[in-house]
Amino acid sequence: MAHIVLGAYLLSGSPSYRQAGVHTYAKHLLGALSLSPLTPLPEGERNKITALLSPTALDELSTLHSPLSFRPASRTTENPFSRIFVEQIETPRVLRELNADLYHSLGFVAPLRAPCLTVVSMMDISFITQPRAHKLFNRVYLRLFSKASCRRAERVITISEHTKRDVVQHFGISPDRVDAIPLGVDHDHFKPQSPDIVTMFKAQHNIGDHAIFYLGSLEPRKNLPRLIEAFSLLTSHFPLLTSQLFIGGNLAWKYDEIFARIKQLGLQDSVKLIGRVSDDDLPKWYASCALTTYPSLYEGFGLPPLEAMACGAPVVTSNVTSLPEVVGDAGILVDPTDVNALSDALSRVLRDDDLRADMRAKSLARAHSFTWQRTAERTMESYRRVMG
């Protein structure tokens, strides 16, 4: 029997983490593994799987059962310094106690002195490619420890082909050691909403027929100042098109420019910062707004566009990094640095009912190919490559 241990330290019970991609990845991968038949590794034997996580995250996984077991860390891992201690000092000892055969870090860094084989998942390497979008400590730590972790690991899992290319280029790792495994979407949760629900939700939140929705953290690489500028152009070119821009997501860092741009352009009445969106309300936002936009400058994958498509939303997003892999031909892709192009794309979708209907159908078809079960199955294939 192979004992596989997963380090899910970036899975958190804190609301501020809930819309981060690494949190979603950890939660749903573990959920899919708990439901999977888990093809034996090695042949003829059944795996044992243990997840190591922050004590604050236990409630997140309370509904998951065998073959998973959980072991909380001695302290919360939401604080970066506490997490480093747990990852590098505590985890090697725990792996020896568990007689682990394989350790899979679900977020960037593995223990450099792990007493077993290791696999590392990389969401992106924006701390290298977009350094100004990160705090100095995070940038330095991730640059050093992620590179060392990936070079030491038997295999590296990336969540897109684009991130795979980045890891190969910047870390000097052979592409044969890197598996690009796309993320999935929870189709039981993210799905089209009934007309009655949409009507009620729109009335409750004062959502008009030409509303635009964005979801993501408020940080520089999400490109929100340009989105606000594009929205301002839209409203000036089409004054009869009563539109709104709802920006959902937690404050991250370097977000003052967002507030300043709204004020400078006099958009306080039409641009609404709605903060964190609850898991229950998120599908309703996607379904109730006329379109979802995500003009990010850099993404390792891009879950919000995929979740929006699963709800049948038309999507306007960036034509850079991993986002074309996710959206395909279902959405409209634009240069995120071109404010005029972004504004034109938004206005075209808002003004054309037939185009929106066509995009909704394509969104649903495209999203159908992404499932967490497929993500789990391909992850198990990576384990097999490591374990022989």
Foldseek 3Di string as FASTA:
>chain_A
DAEEEEELALQALDLQSPPPPLNVQVLLLQQLVLVDPLQDVPHPDHYAYEYEYAPRRCVSCVPGDPSYHYDYFPHRVPDPVVVVCCQAPVVQVVCVVVVHAEYEYSEQAHHLPRPHAYEYEYFALCLVVVVVQDDPVVSVVSLPGSLSRCVRHQAYEFQFVLRLVVCCVSSVDDSVRYHHFHAADDLVQQAADDPVLLVVVCVVVVADAAEEEEEDEQIPQQLQLLVLVLVLVLCVVCVVLDYAYEYEHAYDDPRPVNVVSCVVSVPPPRYHDPYHDDSNCVSSVLNNHQAYEGAGNEGSADVVLLSSLNNLHAYEYAPDRHDCVQCPPLHHHDHSVDSNRSSVRSNVSSVDPVNGNSSSVSSNVSNVVGHSSSSNVVVSVSVNVVSD
